[in-house]
C-alpha atoms as a PDB file:
ATOM      1  CA  MET A   1     166.773 109.571 160.908  1.00  0.00           C
ATOM      2  CA  SER A   2     165.953 110.601 164.831  1.00  0.00           C
ATOM      3  CA  PHE A   3     163.491 113.245 165.957  1.00  0.00           C
ATOM      4  CA  ASP A   4     164.042 112.189 169.504  1.00  0.00           C
ATOM      5  CA  GLY A   5     162.315 114.875 171.378  1.00  0.00           C
ATOM      6  CA  ARG A   6     160.895 116.602 168.562  1.00  0.00           C
ATOM      7  CA  VAL A   7     157.168 117.348 167.809  1.00  0.00           C
ATOM      8  CA  ALA A   8     155.572 117.212 164.347  1.00  0.00           C
ATOM      9  CA  LEU A   9     152.219 118.192 163.190  1.00  0.00           C
ATOM     10  CA  VAL A  10     151.483 116.711 159.848  1.00  0.00           C
ATOM     11  CA  THR A  11     148.139 118.021 157.791  1.00  0.00           C
ATOM     12  CA  GLY A  12     146.383 115.776 155.573  1.00  0.00           C
ATOM     13  CA  GLY A  13     148.093 113.107 157.744  1.00  0.00           C
ATOM     14  CA  SER A  14     145.436 110.033 157.862  1.00  0.00           C
ATOM     15  CA  ARG A  15     146.371 108.618 154.571  1.00  0.00           C
ATOM     16  CA  GLY A  16     148.734 108.238 151.473  1.00  0.00           C
ATOM     17  CA  ILE A  17     152.295 110.551 151.945  1.00  0.00           C
ATOM     18  CA  GLY A  18     150.961 112.508 155.273  1.00  0.00           C
ATOM     19  CA  HIS A  19     150.073 109.203 156.936  1.00  0.00           C
ATOM     20  CA  ALA A  20     153.294 107.778 155.610  1.00  0.00           C
ATOM     21  CA  ALA A  21     155.405 110.948 156.705  1.00  0.00           C
ATOM     22  CA  ALA A  22     153.536 110.937 160.317  1.00  0.00           C
ATOM     23  CA  ALA A  23     154.553 107.157 160.734  1.00  0.00           C
ATOM     24  CA  LEU A  24     158.168 107.981 159.735  1.00  0.00           C
ATOM     25  CA  LEU A  25     158.691 111.012 162.109  1.00  0.00           C
ATOM     26  CA  ALA A  26     157.126 109.008 164.942  1.00  0.00           C
ATOM     27  CA  ARG A  27     159.166 105.870 164.415  1.00  0.00           C
ATOM     28  CA  GLY A  28     162.078 108.193 164.756  1.00  0.00           C
ATOM     29  CA  GLY A  29     160.873 109.227 167.954  1.00  0.00           C
ATOM     30  CA  ALA A  30     158.669 112.277 167.195  1.00  0.00           C
ATOM     31  CA  ARG A  31     155.598 113.006 169.113  1.00  0.00           C
ATOM     32  CA  VAL A  32     153.253 113.595 166.183  1.00  0.00           C
ATOM     33  CA  ALA A  33     149.856 115.503 165.809  1.00  0.00           C
ATOM     34  CA  VAL A  34     147.963 114.037 162.967  1.00  0.00           C
ATOM     35  CA  CYS A  35     145.406 116.225 161.645  1.00  0.00           C
ATOM     36  CA  ALA A  36     142.830 115.455 158.807  1.00  0.00           C
ATOM     37  CA  ARG A  37     139.105 116.943 157.885  1.00  0.00           C
ATOM     38  CA  THR A  38     137.295 114.777 160.339  1.00  0.00           C
ATOM     39  CA  GLN A  39     138.106 113.709 163.861  1.00  0.00           C
ATOM     40  CA  ALA A  40     137.646 110.201 162.977  1.00  0.00           C
ATOM     41  CA  ASP A  41     140.183 109.929 160.238  1.00  0.00           C
ATOM     42  CA  ALA A  42     142.468 111.646 162.571  1.00  0.00           C
ATOM     43  CA  GLU A  43     141.902 109.476 165.340  1.00  0.00           C
ATOM     44  CA  ALA A  44     142.146 106.148 163.505  1.00  0.00           C
ATOM     45  CA  ALA A  45     145.626 107.523 161.994  1.00  0.00           C
ATOM     46  CA  ALA A  46     146.780 108.366 165.214  1.00  0.00           C
ATOM     47  CA  GLN A  47     145.555 105.149 167.044  1.00  0.00           C
ATOM     48  CA  ALA A  48     147.533 103.251 164.450  1.00  0.00           C
ATOM     49  CA  LEU A  49     150.823 105.191 165.673  1.00  0.00           C
ATOM     50  CA  ARG A  50     149.824 104.412 169.293  1.00  0.00           C
ATOM     51  CA  ASP A  51     149.205 100.955 168.505  1.00  0.00           C
ATOM     52  CA  GLU A  52     153.093 100.775 167.581  1.00  0.00           C
ATOM     53  CA  GLY A  53     154.313 102.177 170.733  1.00  0.00           C
ATOM     54  CA  GLN A  54     154.533 105.854 169.285  1.00  0.00           C
ATOM     55  CA  GLU A  55     153.291 108.824 171.065  1.00  0.00           C
ATOM     56  CA  ALA A  56     150.458 110.499 168.696  1.00  0.00           C
ATOM     57  CA  MET A  57     147.331 112.392 168.900  1.00  0.00           C
ATOM     58  CA  GLY A  58     144.439 113.210 166.181  1.00  0.00           C
ATOM     59  CA  LEU A  59     143.188 116.579 165.291  1.00  0.00           C
ATOM     60  CA  SER A  60     140.431 117.725 162.968  1.00  0.00           C
ATOM     61  CA  ALA A  61     140.641 120.825 160.858  1.00  0.00           C
ATOM     62  CA  ASP A  62     139.787 122.441 157.600  1.00  0.00           C
ATOM     63  CA  VAL A  63     143.136 123.946 156.824  1.00  0.00           C
ATOM     64  CA  ALA A  64     141.342 126.414 154.491  1.00  0.00           C
ATOM     65  CA  ASP A  65     139.802 128.012 157.673  1.00  0.00           C
ATOM     66  CA  ALA A  66     142.379 130.065 159.293  1.00  0.00           C
ATOM     67  CA  ALA A  67     140.800 129.949 162.819  1.00  0.00           C
ATOM     68  CA  GLN A  68     140.731 125.753 162.428  1.00  0.00           C
ATOM     69  CA  ALA A  69     144.029 125.818 161.108  1.00  0.00           C
ATOM     70  CA  GLU A  70     145.477 127.950 164.177  1.00  0.00           C
ATOM     71  CA  ALA A  71     143.349 125.961 166.746  1.00  0.00           C
ATOM     72  CA  ALA A  72     145.230 122.679 165.444  1.00  0.00           C
ATOM     73  CA  VAL A  73     148.710 124.255 165.780  1.00  0.00           C
ATOM     74  CA  ARG A  74     147.598 125.436 169.237  1.00  0.00           C
ATOM     75  CA  ALA A  75     146.080 121.983 170.328  1.00  0.00           C
ATOM     76  CA  CYS A  76     149.370 120.502 169.294  1.00  0.00           C
ATOM     77  CA  THR A  77     151.702 122.971 171.344  1.00  0.00           C
ATOM     78  CA  GLU A  78     149.165 122.914 174.519  1.00  0.00           C
ATOM     79  CA  ARG A  79     149.331 118.797 174.482  1.00  0.00           C
ATOM     80  CA  PHE A  80     153.174 118.754 173.658  1.00  0.00           C
ATOM     81  CA  GLY A  81     154.465 121.681 174.820  1.00  0.00           C
ATOM     82  CA  ARG A  82     155.958 122.913 171.458  1.00  0.00           C
ATOM     83  CA  LEU A  83     156.209 122.265 167.499  1.00  0.00           C
ATOM     84  CA  ASP A  84     159.421 121.456 165.638  1.00  0.00           C
ATOM     85  CA  ILE A  85     158.293 120.301 162.407  1.00  0.00           C
ATOM     86  CA  LEU A  86     155.539 121.112 160.324  1.00  0.00           C
ATOM     87  CA  VAL A  87     154.317 118.968 157.378  1.00  0.00           C
ATOM     88  CA  ASN A  88     151.666 120.746 155.144  1.00  0.00           C
ATOM     89  CA  ASN A  89     150.519 117.891 153.359  1.00  0.00           C
ATOM     90  CA  ALA A  90     146.713 118.646 153.056  1.00  0.00           C
ATOM     91  CA  GLY A  91     145.329 118.767 149.418  1.00  0.00           C
ATOM     92  CA  ILE A  92     142.308 117.897 147.305  1.00  0.00           C
ATOM     93  CA  ARG A  93     141.573 117.977 143.557  1.00  0.00           C
ATOM     94  CA  HIS A  94     138.505 119.036 141.532  1.00  0.00           C
ATOM     95  CA  ASP A  95     139.930 118.472 137.947  1.00  0.00           C
ATOM     96  CA  GLY A  96     138.329 120.030 134.638  1.00  0.00           C
ATOM     97  CA  LEU A  97     139.135 121.933 131.930  1.00  0.00           C
ATOM     98  CA  VAL A  98     139.413 125.952 132.415  1.00  0.00           C
ATOM     99  CA  LEU A  99     136.491 126.460 130.014  1.00  0.00           C
ATOM    100  CA  ARG A 100     134.037 124.096 132.377  1.00  0.00           C
ATOM    101  CA  MET A 101     135.707 125.076 135.682  1.00  0.00           C
ATOM    102  CA  ARG A 102     133.285 126.647 138.062  1.00  0.00           C
ATOM    103  CA  ASP A 103     134.509 129.295 140.320  1.00  0.00           C
ATOM    104  CA  ALA A 104     133.929 126.951 143.267  1.00  0.00           C
ATOM    105  CA  GLU A 105     136.044 124.544 141.884  1.00  0.00           C
ATOM    106  CA  TRP A 106     138.958 126.982 141.566  1.00  0.00           C
ATOM    107  CA  ASP A 107     138.510 128.439 144.841  1.00  0.00           C
ATOM    108  CA  ARG A 108     138.335 125.361 147.019  1.00  0.00           C
ATOM    109  CA  VAL A 109     141.414 123.752 145.571  1.00  0.00           C
ATOM    110  CA  LEU A 110     143.450 127.187 146.173  1.00  0.00           C
ATOM    111  CA  ALA A 111     141.904 127.651 149.511  1.00  0.00           C
ATOM    112  CA  VAL A 112     143.085 124.075 150.819  1.00  0.00           C
ATOM    113  CA  ASN A 113     146.203 123.459 148.974  1.00  0.00           C
ATOM    114  CA  LEU A 114     147.711 126.899 149.013  1.00  0.00           C
ATOM    115  CA  THR A 115     146.086 129.019 151.488  1.00  0.00           C
ATOM    116  CA  GLY A 116     145.584 126.221 153.995  1.00  0.00           C
ATOM    117  CA  ALA A 117     149.426 125.899 154.109  1.00  0.00           C
ATOM    118  CA  PHE A 118     149.809 129.780 154.589  1.00  0.00           C
ATOM    119  CA  HIS A 119     147.320 129.402 157.455  1.00  0.00           C
ATOM    120  CA  CYS A 120     149.350 126.687 159.266  1.00  0.00           C
ATOM    121  CA  ILE A 121     152.775 128.131 158.550  1.00  0.00           C
ATOM    122  CA  ARG A 122     151.767 131.495 160.195  1.00  0.00           C
ATOM    123  CA  ALA A 123     150.241 129.887 163.303  1.00  0.00           C
ATOM    124  CA  ALA A 124     153.524 127.452 163.705  1.00  0.00           C
ATOM    125  CA  LEU A 125     156.009 130.393 163.017  1.00  0.00           C
ATOM    126  CA  ARG A 126     154.927 132.230 166.287  1.00  0.00           C
ATOM    127  CA  GLY A 127     156.064 129.210 168.257  1.00  0.00           C
ATOM    128  CA  MET A 128     159.260 128.425 166.048  1.00  0.00           C
ATOM    129  CA  VAL A 129     160.414 132.052 166.124  1.00  0.00           C
ATOM    130  CA  ARG A 130     160.502 132.184 169.970  1.00  0.00           C
ATOM    131  CA  GLN A 131     162.703 128.872 170.101  1.00  0.00           C
ATOM    132  CA  ARG A 132     164.776 129.714 166.968  1.00  0.00           C
ATOM    133  CA  ALA A 133     164.373 126.656 165.208  1.00  0.00           C
ATOM    134  CA  GLY A 134     161.792 124.688 163.327  1.00  0.00           C
ATOM    135  CA  ARG A 135     161.361 122.405 160.168  1.00  0.00           C
ATOM    136  CA  ILE A 136     158.537 123.814 157.484  1.00  0.00           C
ATOM    137  CA  ILE A 137     157.942 121.113 154.578  1.00  0.00           C
ATOM    138  CA  ASN A 138     155.601 121.656 152.218  1.00  0.00           C
ATOM    139  CA  VAL A 139     154.044 119.020 149.628  1.00  0.00           C
ATOM    140  CA  THR A 140     153.914 120.381 146.140  1.00  0.00           C
ATOM    141  CA  SER A 141     153.672 118.492 143.129  1.00  0.00           C
ATOM    142  CA  VAL A 142     155.527 117.541 139.678  1.00  0.00           C
ATOM    143  CA  VAL A 143     152.969 119.332 138.120  1.00  0.00           C
ATOM    144  CA  ALA A 144     154.014 122.529 139.503  1.00  0.00           C
ATOM    145  CA  ALA A 145     156.950 122.621 137.337  1.00  0.00           C
ATOM    146  CA  ARG A 146     155.462 121.163 134.188  1.00  0.00           C
ATOM    147  CA  GLY A 147     151.826 121.827 134.257  1.00  0.00           C
ATOM    148  CA  ASN A 148     148.995 119.377 133.596  1.00  0.00           C
ATOM    149  CA  ALA A 149     145.826 119.766 131.225  1.00  0.00           C
ATOM    150  CA  GLY A 150     142.466 119.612 133.264  1.00  0.00           C
ATOM    151  CA  GLN A 151     144.326 120.719 136.353  1.00  0.00           C
ATOM    152  CA  ALA A 152     144.455 124.595 136.101  1.00  0.00           C
ATOM    153  CA  ASN A 153     143.381 125.078 139.897  1.00  0.00           C
ATOM    154  CA  TYR A 154     145.509 122.088 141.183  1.00  0.00           C
ATOM    155  CA  VAL A 155     148.488 122.894 139.200  1.00  0.00           C
ATOM    156  CA  SER A 156     148.233 127.058 140.056  1.00  0.00           C
ATOM    157  CA  ALA A 157     148.009 125.832 143.821  1.00  0.00           C
ATOM    158  CA  LYS A 158     150.968 123.605 143.946  1.00  0.00           C
ATOM    159  CA  ALA A 159     153.021 126.044 142.139  1.00  0.00           C
ATOM    160  CA  GLY A 160     152.046 128.689 144.412  1.00  0.00           C
ATOM    161  CA  LEU A 161     153.173 126.448 147.371  1.00  0.00           C
ATOM    162  CA  ILE A 162     156.471 126.662 145.734  1.00  0.00           C
ATOM    163  CA  GLY A 163     156.674 130.280 145.700  1.00  0.00           C
ATOM    164  CA  LEU A 164     155.347 130.471 149.329  1.00  0.00           C
ATOM    165  CA  THR A 165     158.128 127.922 150.327  1.00  0.00           C
ATOM    166  CA  LYS A 166     161.151 130.284 148.952  1.00  0.00           C
ATOM    167  CA  ALA A 167     159.315 133.669 150.113  1.00  0.00           C
ATOM    168  CA  VAL A 168     159.147 132.522 154.078  1.00  0.00           C
ATOM    169  CA  ALA A 169     162.249 130.380 153.852  1.00  0.00           C
ATOM    170  CA  LEU A 170     164.089 133.935 153.198  1.00  0.00           C
ATOM    171  CA  GLU A 171     162.040 135.768 155.890  1.00  0.00           C
ATOM    172  CA  VAL A 172     162.785 133.232 158.538  1.00  0.00           C
ATOM    173  CA  ALA A 173     166.389 131.561 157.956  1.00  0.00           C
ATOM    174  CA  SER A 174     168.086 133.823 160.428  1.00  0.00           C
ATOM    175  CA  ARG A 175     165.778 132.539 163.068  1.00  0.00           C
ATOM    176  CA  GLY A 176     167.040 128.808 162.786  1.00  0.00           C
ATOM    177  CA  ILE A 177     163.965 127.872 160.725  1.00  0.00           C
ATOM    178  CA  SER A 178     164.229 126.038 157.384  1.00  0.00           C
ATOM    179  CA  VAL A 179     161.524 126.014 154.719  1.00  0.00           C
ATOM    180  CA  ASN A 180     161.593 123.526 152.072  1.00  0.00           C
ATOM    181  CA  ALA A 181     159.323 121.491 149.514  1.00  0.00           C
ATOM    182  CA  VAL A 182     158.721 118.097 148.498  1.00  0.00           C
ATOM    183  CA  ALA A 183     157.435 117.727 144.732  1.00  0.00           C
ATOM    184  CA  PRO A 184     155.945 113.974 144.259  1.00  0.00           C
ATOM    185  CA  GLY A 185     155.346 112.620 140.874  1.00  0.00           C
ATOM    186  CA  PHE A 186     153.048 109.897 140.503  1.00  0.00           C
ATOM    187  CA  ILE A 187     152.451 108.599 143.664  1.00  0.00           C
ATOM    188  CA  GLU A 188     150.346 105.541 144.399  1.00  0.00           C
ATOM    189  CA  THR A 189     147.766 106.950 146.756  1.00  0.00           C
ATOM    190  CA  ALA A 190     143.708 107.182 147.230  1.00  0.00           C
ATOM    191  CA  MET A 191     143.940 110.507 145.223  1.00  0.00           C
ATOM    192  CA  THR A 192     145.434 108.845 142.110  1.00  0.00           C
ATOM    193  CA  ALA A 193     143.554 105.773 142.558  1.00  0.00           C
ATOM    194  CA  ASP A 194     140.384 107.270 140.906  1.00  0.00           C
ATOM    195  CA  LEU A 195     142.490 107.830 137.646  1.00  0.00           C
ATOM    196  CA  GLY A 196     141.365 105.481 134.543  1.00  0.00           C
ATOM    197  CA  ASP A 197     143.787 102.793 132.762  1.00  0.00           C
ATOM    198  CA  GLU A 198     144.463 105.301 129.997  1.00  0.00           C
ATOM    199  CA  ALA A 199     145.451 108.118 132.276  1.00  0.00           C
ATOM    200  CA  ARG A 200     147.571 105.706 134.266  1.00  0.00           C
ATOM    201  CA  ARG A 201     149.430 104.222 130.825  1.00  0.00           C
ATOM    202  CA  THR A 202     149.723 107.972 129.649  1.00  0.00           C
ATOM    203  CA  TYR A 203     151.380 108.971 133.046  1.00  0.00           C
ATOM    204  CA  MET A 204     153.414 105.498 133.311  1.00  0.00           C
ATOM    205  CA  ALA A 205     154.931 106.488 129.910  1.00  0.00           C
ATOM    206  CA  GLN A 206     156.574 109.697 131.128  1.00  0.00           C
ATOM    207  CA  ILE A 207     158.169 107.861 134.046  1.00  0.00           C
ATOM    208  CA  PRO A 208     162.029 106.694 133.210  1.00  0.00           C
ATOM    209  CA  ALA A 209     161.856 104.790 136.237  1.00  0.00           C
ATOM    210  CA  GLY A 210     159.229 102.593 134.684  1.00  0.00           C
ATOM    211  CA  ARG A 211     156.881 102.658 137.961  1.00  0.00           C
ATOM    212  CA  PHE A 212     154.887 104.684 140.231  1.00  0.00           C
ATOM    213  CA  GLY A 213     156.182 105.910 143.217  1.00  0.00           C
ATOM    214  CA  ARG A 214     154.925 104.592 147.117  1.00  0.00           C
ATOM    215  CA  PRO A 215     154.036 107.222 149.729  1.00  0.00           C
ATOM    216  CA  GLU A 216     156.991 105.919 151.982  1.00  0.00           C
ATOM    217  CA  GLU A 217     159.407 107.340 149.329  1.00  0.00           C
ATOM    218  CA  VAL A 218     157.987 110.684 149.201  1.00  0.00           C
ATOM    219  CA  ALA A 219     158.219 110.445 153.375  1.00  0.00           C
ATOM    220  CA  TRP A 220     161.759 109.561 153.583  1.00  0.00           C
ATOM    221  CA  ALA A 221     162.413 112.816 151.410  1.00  0.00           C
ATOM    222  CA  ILE A 222     160.203 114.763 154.015  1.00  0.00           C
ATOM    223  CA  GLY A 223     161.948 113.083 156.992  1.00  0.00           C
ATOM    224  CA  PHE A 224     165.476 114.131 155.482  1.00  0.00           C
ATOM    225  CA  LEU A 225     164.459 117.645 155.069  1.00  0.00           C
ATOM    226  CA  ALA A 226     163.112 117.525 158.707  1.00  0.00           C
ATOM    227  CA  SER A 227     166.255 115.899 160.207  1.00  0.00           C
ATOM    228  CA  GLU A 228     169.453 117.959 161.516  1.00  0.00           C
ATOM    229  CA  ALA A 229     171.155 116.743 158.132  1.00  0.00           C
ATOM    230  CA  ALA A 230     169.458 119.177 156.426  1.00  0.00           C
ATOM    231  CA  GLY A 231     170.008 122.182 158.603  1.00  0.00           C
ATOM    232  CA  TYR A 232     171.602 123.907 155.893  1.00  0.00           C
ATOM    233  CA  ILE A 233     169.096 123.457 153.261  1.00  0.00           C
ATOM    234  CA  THR A 234     166.056 125.966 152.993  1.00  0.00           C
ATOM    235  CA  GLY A 235     164.151 127.504 150.043  1.00  0.00           C
ATOM    236  CA  GLN A 236     164.701 124.139 148.064  1.00  0.00           C
ATOM    237  CA  VAL A 237     162.437 121.784 146.186  1.00  0.00           C
ATOM    238  CA  LEU A 238     163.262 118.161 146.292  1.00  0.00           C
ATOM    239  CA  HIS A 239     161.445 116.203 143.498  1.00  0.00           C
ATOM    240  CA  VAL A 240     160.734 112.791 144.002  1.00  0.00           C
ATOM    241  CA  ASN A 241     159.500 111.344 140.461  1.00  0.00           C
ATOM    242  CA  GLY A 242     161.294 108.595 139.244  1.00  0.00           C
ATOM    243  CA  GLY A 243     162.540 110.973 136.588  1.00  0.00           C
ATOM    244  CA  MET A 244     159.167 112.014 135.275  1.00  0.00           C
ATOM    245  CA  TRP A 245     160.356 115.629 134.705  1.00  0.00           C
ATOM    246  CA  MET A 246     163.825 116.448 134.455  1.00  0.00           C
END
């Protein structure tokens, strides 16, 4: 996949799926802005790409804050002159049963995982509409379609992200902008590393492919949706889950 001349912004881009996506886009020729919660994490991820000879910058932002999300998009466009690809990957978990879930745990997960994507999309669309071209890829989850006990906040945010994807896709399709989502299953990342052995065995039993996925496998799906080959695809959800939900 070639992304020569393109500019990409990847939120949650310092590790896991986000970093794999940033690396794939950069290796394909895109200039990439890696966004993370802290400048140190963002800069370290960007430096790793620069060490490979790619052009990248690090940006810090809490995307739950509209002003910070808009500032990240603005910094990217000021540095590289445009924005062609937005990957909304920033996400957090605060698991717990609904009966015990505090308002703050509900609000924070929704704010980062769903409202954060909205903030970034709104900011990115201003330039994309003017240039009449753009690719937006939102990273949702298999649990958005199947649910998951103990993750009511996370599931609600990821399901809402699918709805956001479909609504925005309808709004901007006539402007040459596609909006799609990738729904990973169980992927080996820092976010899933803290699950206990029993939980991992439970998830493994639900995966027909018989293994957990790798961040690079989700990045390939993101790259396809960001590419010219996917120009006639919009408002869709691409599941990358080894058959975990069929």
